[in-house]
Amino acid sequence: MLQVLFILQIILAIVLTIIILLQKSSSIGLGAYSGSNESLFGAKGPQGFLAKLTFILGTLFIINTIALGYMYNKEHNKSLIDEVKVKEEKKIIPEVPIKKETNEVPAAPKNK
């Protein structure tokens, strides 16, 4: 399922980019009004259709992105830190010297 959503994400990104590039810039001034009112897409021409299509594809792109994030987090909920092996170091505690004759610990030196 994750692969299907990923492929759909790539297709949506490519189609959305093409649709955005097909739209006319808003800075062309009066050139936007030169053209016939008779069009396949209606009186406004293809601009209204392309704007609606861009909105729909953008919404699908966002929904697919959220679904991809959710599915990926659900399947791969492990962190890289979980895979790091912790090397356990054994702490070597030095043994306290014991007098063999009396089994007593030697006294600490006295400060002068």
N, C-alpha and C. Protein backbone atom coordinates (compact mmCIF):
# COMPACT_ATOMS: atom_id res chain seq x y z
N MET A 1 0.83 -1.19 0.00
CA MET A 1 0.00 0.00 0.00
C MET A 1 0.87 1.26 0.00
N LEU A 2 1.98 1.17 0.71
CA LEU A 2 2.88 2.31 0.80
C LEU A 2 3.49 2.62 -0.57
N GLN A 3 3.80 1.59 -1.33
CA GLN A 3 4.38 1.80 -2.65
C GLN A 3 3.37 2.45 -3.60
N VAL A 4 2.10 2.05 -3.50
CA VAL A 4 1.06 2.63 -4.35
C VAL A 4 0.90 4.11 -4.03
N LEU A 5 0.88 4.46 -2.76
CA LEU A 5 0.75 5.87 -2.38
C LEU A 5 1.97 6.68 -2.82
N PHE A 6 3.13 6.07 -2.76
CA PHE A 6 4.34 6.77 -3.18
C PHE A 6 4.34 7.03 -4.69
N ILE A 7 3.92 6.04 -5.46
CA ILE A 7 3.83 6.22 -6.91
C ILE A 7 2.77 7.26 -7.25
N LEU A 8 1.64 7.23 -6.54
CA LEU A 8 0.59 8.24 -6.74
C LEU A 8 1.10 9.63 -6.40
N GLN A 9 1.93 9.73 -5.37
CA GLN A 9 2.51 11.02 -4.98
C GLN A 9 3.39 11.59 -6.10
N ILE A 10 4.20 10.73 -6.71
CA ILE A 10 5.06 11.18 -7.81
C ILE A 10 4.23 11.63 -9.01
N ILE A 11 3.20 10.85 -9.34
CA ILE A 11 2.33 11.20 -10.47
C ILE A 11 1.61 12.52 -10.20
N LEU A 12 1.08 12.68 -8.99
CA LEU A 12 0.39 13.92 -8.64
C LEU A 12 1.33 15.12 -8.71
N ALA A 13 2.57 14.95 -8.27
CA ALA A 13 3.53 16.05 -8.32
C ALA A 13 3.82 16.46 -9.76
N ILE A 14 3.98 15.48 -10.64
CA ILE A 14 4.28 15.79 -12.05
C ILE A 14 3.08 16.46 -12.72
N VAL A 15 1.88 15.91 -12.53
CA VAL A 15 0.68 16.47 -13.15
C VAL A 15 0.39 17.86 -12.59
N LEU A 16 0.55 18.04 -11.30
CA LEU A 16 0.30 19.34 -10.68
C LEU A 16 1.27 20.39 -11.22
N THR A 17 2.52 20.01 -11.41
CA THR A 17 3.51 20.93 -11.97
C THR A 17 3.14 21.32 -13.39
N ILE A 18 2.72 20.36 -14.19
CA ILE A 18 2.33 20.65 -15.58
C ILE A 18 1.11 21.56 -15.62
N ILE A 19 0.12 21.28 -14.78
CA ILE A 19 -1.11 22.10 -14.76
C ILE A 19 -0.79 23.53 -14.33
N ILE A 20 0.08 23.69 -13.36
CA ILE A 20 0.45 25.04 -12.93
C ILE A 20 1.20 25.78 -14.03
N LEU A 21 2.07 25.09 -14.74
CA LEU A 21 2.81 25.74 -15.82
C LEU A 21 1.93 26.07 -17.02
N LEU A 22 0.82 25.38 -17.20
CA LEU A 22 -0.10 25.67 -18.30
C LEU A 22 -0.91 26.95 -18.08
N GLN A 23 -1.04 27.36 -16.83
CA GLN A 23 -1.84 28.54 -16.55
C GLN A 23 -1.12 29.80 -16.98
N LYS A 24 -1.89 30.79 -17.38
CA LYS A 24 -1.31 32.07 -17.77
C LYS A 24 -0.94 32.85 -16.53
N SER A 25 0.11 33.63 -16.66
CA SER A 25 0.54 34.47 -15.55
C SER A 25 -0.44 35.62 -15.38
N SER A 26 -0.60 36.11 -14.18
CA SER A 26 -1.50 37.22 -13.93
C SER A 26 -0.86 38.56 -14.30
N SER A 27 0.39 38.57 -14.68
CA SER A 27 1.08 39.81 -14.99
C SER A 27 1.10 40.13 -16.49
N ILE A 28 0.27 39.45 -17.27
CA ILE A 28 0.31 39.71 -18.71
C ILE A 28 -0.58 40.88 -19.09
N GLY A 29 -1.28 41.45 -18.15
CA GLY A 29 -2.05 42.66 -18.40
C GLY A 29 -3.24 42.44 -19.31
N LEU A 30 -3.40 43.31 -20.32
CA LEU A 30 -4.57 43.24 -21.21
C LEU A 30 -4.52 42.07 -22.16
N GLY A 31 -3.40 41.41 -22.27
CA GLY A 31 -3.29 40.26 -23.15
C GLY A 31 -4.16 39.10 -22.71
N ALA A 32 -4.58 39.10 -21.46
CA ALA A 32 -5.43 38.03 -20.95
C ALA A 32 -6.82 38.08 -21.56
N TYR A 33 -7.23 39.28 -22.01
CA TYR A 33 -8.59 39.41 -22.52
C TYR A 33 -8.66 39.29 -24.03
N SER A 34 -7.54 39.08 -24.67
CA SER A 34 -7.58 38.90 -26.12
C SER A 34 -7.82 37.44 -26.43
N GLY A 35 -8.93 37.15 -27.00
CA GLY A 35 -9.25 35.77 -27.32
C GLY A 35 -10.73 35.62 -27.51
N SER A 36 -11.12 34.51 -27.97
CA SER A 36 -12.53 34.27 -28.27
C SER A 36 -13.27 33.83 -27.02
N ASN A 37 -14.51 34.22 -26.95
CA ASN A 37 -15.34 33.78 -25.83
C ASN A 37 -15.88 32.38 -26.07
N GLU A 38 -15.78 31.93 -27.29
CA GLU A 38 -16.27 30.60 -27.59
C GLU A 38 -15.16 29.60 -27.31
N SER A 39 -15.35 28.82 -26.29
CA SER A 39 -14.30 27.90 -25.89
C SER A 39 -14.92 26.59 -25.43
N LEU A 40 -14.14 25.58 -25.44
CA LEU A 40 -14.59 24.27 -24.98
C LEU A 40 -14.88 24.30 -23.47
N PHE A 41 -14.14 25.15 -22.75
CA PHE A 41 -14.25 25.16 -21.30
C PHE A 41 -15.27 26.17 -20.77
N GLY A 42 -15.87 26.98 -21.61
CA GLY A 42 -16.87 27.95 -21.17
C GLY A 42 -16.48 29.35 -21.59
N ALA A 43 -17.23 30.34 -21.09
CA ALA A 43 -17.02 31.73 -21.49
C ALA A 43 -15.70 32.29 -20.98
N LYS A 44 -15.25 31.84 -19.83
CA LYS A 44 -14.00 32.35 -19.26
C LYS A 44 -12.77 31.73 -19.90
N GLY A 45 -12.97 30.73 -20.67
CA GLY A 45 -11.83 30.05 -21.26
C GLY A 45 -11.31 28.96 -20.35
N PRO A 46 -10.12 28.47 -20.65
CA PRO A 46 -9.58 27.35 -19.86
C PRO A 46 -9.06 27.77 -18.49
N GLN A 47 -8.98 29.07 -18.21
CA GLN A 47 -8.38 29.50 -16.94
C GLN A 47 -9.21 29.08 -15.73
N GLY A 48 -10.53 29.16 -15.83
CA GLY A 48 -11.38 28.72 -14.72
C GLY A 48 -11.26 27.23 -14.49
N PHE A 49 -11.22 26.48 -15.58
CA PHE A 49 -11.09 25.03 -15.48
C PHE A 49 -9.73 24.65 -14.88
N LEU A 50 -8.66 25.30 -15.34
CA LEU A 50 -7.32 24.99 -14.83
C LEU A 50 -7.17 25.37 -13.36
N ALA A 51 -7.83 26.46 -12.96
CA ALA A 51 -7.77 26.86 -11.55
C ALA A 51 -8.47 25.83 -10.66
N LYS A 52 -9.63 25.35 -11.12
CA LYS A 52 -10.34 24.33 -10.35
C LYS A 52 -9.56 23.02 -10.30
N LEU A 53 -8.98 22.65 -11.44
CA LEU A 53 -8.20 21.42 -11.51
C LEU A 53 -6.95 21.52 -10.61
N THR A 54 -6.34 22.70 -10.58
CA THR A 54 -5.17 22.90 -9.71
C THR A 54 -5.56 22.76 -8.25
N PHE A 55 -6.71 23.32 -7.88
CA PHE A 55 -7.19 23.22 -6.50
C PHE A 55 -7.46 21.76 -6.13
N ILE A 56 -8.11 21.03 -7.02
CA ILE A 56 -8.43 19.61 -6.74
C ILE A 56 -7.16 18.78 -6.63
N LEU A 57 -6.23 18.97 -7.58
CA LEU A 57 -4.98 18.20 -7.54
C LEU A 57 -4.13 18.58 -6.33
N GLY A 58 -4.14 19.85 -5.97
CA GLY A 58 -3.40 20.28 -4.78
C GLY A 58 -3.96 19.66 -3.51
N THR A 59 -5.29 19.60 -3.43
CA THR A 59 -5.93 18.96 -2.28
C THR A 59 -5.61 17.47 -2.22
N LEU A 60 -5.66 16.79 -3.37
CA LEU A 60 -5.31 15.37 -3.41
C LEU A 60 -3.84 15.15 -3.02
N PHE A 61 -2.96 16.07 -3.46
CA PHE A 61 -1.55 15.98 -3.13
C PHE A 61 -1.33 16.08 -1.62
N ILE A 62 -2.02 17.01 -0.97
CA ILE A 62 -1.88 17.19 0.48
C ILE A 62 -2.44 15.98 1.23
N ILE A 63 -3.60 15.49 0.80
CA ILE A 63 -4.19 14.32 1.45
C ILE A 63 -3.28 13.10 1.29
N ASN A 64 -2.71 12.93 0.11
CA ASN A 64 -1.81 11.81 -0.13
C ASN A 64 -0.54 11.94 0.70
N THR A 65 -0.04 13.16 0.88
CA THR A 65 1.15 13.38 1.70
C THR A 65 0.88 12.99 3.15
N ILE A 66 -0.27 13.39 3.66
CA ILE A 66 -0.64 13.03 5.05
C ILE A 66 -0.80 11.52 5.18
N ALA A 67 -1.44 10.89 4.20
CA ALA A 67 -1.63 9.43 4.24
C ALA A 67 -0.29 8.71 4.17
N LEU A 68 0.62 9.21 3.33
CA LEU A 68 1.96 8.61 3.25
C LEU A 68 2.68 8.71 4.58
N GLY A 69 2.62 9.88 5.20
CA GLY A 69 3.28 10.05 6.50
C GLY A 69 2.70 9.13 7.56
N TYR A 70 1.37 8.98 7.57
CA TYR A 70 0.73 8.11 8.55
C TYR A 70 1.09 6.65 8.32
N MET A 71 1.01 6.21 7.06
CA MET A 71 1.30 4.81 6.75
C MET A 71 2.77 4.47 7.01
N TYR A 72 3.66 5.38 6.64
CA TYR A 72 5.08 5.12 6.86
C TYR A 72 5.39 5.04 8.35
N ASN A 73 4.79 5.92 9.13
CA ASN A 73 5.01 5.91 10.57
C ASN A 73 4.41 4.64 11.20
N LYS A 74 3.30 4.17 10.66
CA LYS A 74 2.67 2.97 11.19
C LYS A 74 3.51 1.72 10.91
N GLU A 75 4.11 1.64 9.71
CA GLU A 75 4.89 0.46 9.34
C GLU A 75 6.31 0.51 9.90
N HIS A 76 6.89 1.67 9.94
CA HIS A 76 8.28 1.81 10.36
C HIS A 76 8.35 2.65 11.63
N ASN A 77 7.85 2.12 12.72
CA ASN A 77 7.81 2.90 13.94
C ASN A 77 9.07 2.73 14.79
N LYS A 78 10.11 2.17 14.22
CA LYS A 78 11.37 2.03 14.93
C LYS A 78 12.28 3.19 14.60
N SER A 79 13.05 3.56 15.55
CA SER A 79 14.03 4.63 15.36
C SER A 79 15.39 4.00 15.08
N LEU A 80 16.26 4.78 14.49
CA LEU A 80 17.62 4.28 14.26
C LEU A 80 18.33 4.03 15.58
N ILE A 81 17.96 4.77 16.58
CA ILE A 81 18.59 4.60 17.90
C ILE A 81 18.23 3.24 18.49
N ASP A 82 17.04 2.73 18.15
CA ASP A 82 16.65 1.40 18.63
C ASP A 82 17.55 0.30 18.08
N GLU A 83 18.15 0.53 16.92
CA GLU A 83 18.98 -0.49 16.30
C GLU A 83 20.44 -0.44 16.73
N VAL A 84 20.83 0.62 17.41
CA VAL A 84 22.22 0.76 17.84
C VAL A 84 22.46 -0.19 19.01
N LYS A 85 23.49 -0.98 18.88
CA LYS A 85 23.82 -1.92 19.95
C LYS A 85 24.65 -1.19 21.00
N VAL A 86 24.23 -1.33 22.22
CA VAL A 86 24.95 -0.69 23.31
C VAL A 86 26.01 -1.65 23.81
N LYS A 87 27.22 -1.18 23.82
CA LYS A 87 28.32 -2.01 24.28
C LYS A 87 28.39 -1.88 25.80
N GLU A 88 28.21 -3.02 26.45
CA GLU A 88 28.25 -3.01 27.90
C GLU A 88 29.69 -3.13 28.37
N GLU A 89 30.08 -2.16 29.14
CA GLU A 89 31.44 -2.19 29.69
C GLU A 89 31.37 -2.73 31.11
N LYS A 90 32.17 -3.72 31.36
CA LYS A 90 32.22 -4.26 32.71
C LYS A 90 33.15 -3.39 33.54
N LYS A 91 32.60 -2.92 34.62
CA LYS A 91 33.43 -2.09 35.50
C LYS A 91 34.23 -3.01 36.42
N ILE A 92 35.51 -2.83 36.36
CA ILE A 92 36.39 -3.65 37.19
C ILE A 92 36.65 -2.87 38.48
N ILE A 93 36.17 -3.43 39.55
CA ILE A 93 36.36 -2.80 40.85
C ILE A 93 37.61 -3.42 41.48
N PRO A 94 38.57 -2.59 41.82
CA PRO A 94 39.78 -3.16 42.43
C PRO A 94 39.47 -3.73 43.81
N GLU A 95 40.09 -4.82 44.08
CA GLU A 95 39.87 -5.46 45.37
C GLU A 95 40.67 -4.74 46.45
N VAL A 96 40.08 -4.73 47.61
CA VAL A 96 40.75 -4.09 48.76
C VAL A 96 41.73 -5.11 49.34
N PRO A 97 42.96 -4.68 49.51
CA PRO A 97 43.93 -5.63 50.09
C PRO A 97 43.58 -5.97 51.53
N ILE A 98 43.61 -7.25 51.81
CA ILE A 98 43.28 -7.72 53.16
C ILE A 98 44.51 -8.41 53.72
N LYS A 99 44.76 -8.12 54.98
CA LYS A 99 45.88 -8.79 55.64
C LYS A 99 45.52 -10.25 55.83
N LYS A 100 46.42 -11.11 55.42
CA LYS A 100 46.12 -12.54 55.44
C LYS A 100 46.11 -13.11 56.85
N GLU A 101 46.88 -12.53 57.75
CA GLU A 101 46.93 -13.12 59.09
C GLU A 101 45.68 -12.82 59.89
N THR A 102 45.19 -11.60 59.81
CA THR A 102 44.08 -11.24 60.69
C THR A 102 42.78 -10.99 59.95
N ASN A 103 42.80 -11.05 58.62
CA ASN A 103 41.62 -10.78 57.80
C ASN A 103 41.03 -9.39 58.06
N GLU A 104 41.91 -8.43 58.29
CA GLU A 104 41.45 -7.06 58.54
C GLU A 104 41.86 -6.17 57.37
N VAL A 105 41.09 -5.18 57.17
CA VAL A 105 41.40 -4.18 56.15
C VAL A 105 42.43 -3.23 56.73
N PRO A 106 43.46 -2.87 55.96
CA PRO A 106 44.47 -1.96 56.51
C PRO A 106 43.86 -0.57 56.79
N ALA A 107 44.40 0.06 57.80
CA ALA A 107 43.89 1.38 58.20
C ALA A 107 44.34 2.45 57.21
N ALA A 108 43.51 3.46 57.10
CA ALA A 108 43.83 4.58 56.22
C ALA A 108 44.94 5.42 56.85
N PRO A 109 45.78 6.03 56.03
CA PRO A 109 46.85 6.86 56.61
C PRO A 109 46.26 8.08 57.30
N LYS A 110 46.90 8.47 58.39
CA LYS A 110 46.42 9.60 59.18
C LYS A 110 47.08 10.88 58.67
N ASN A 111 46.30 11.94 58.62
CA ASN A 111 46.84 13.23 58.22
C ASN A 111 47.58 13.88 59.37
N LYS A 112 48.66 14.55 59.07
CA LYS A 112 49.43 15.21 60.14
C LYS A 112 49.01 16.62 60.31
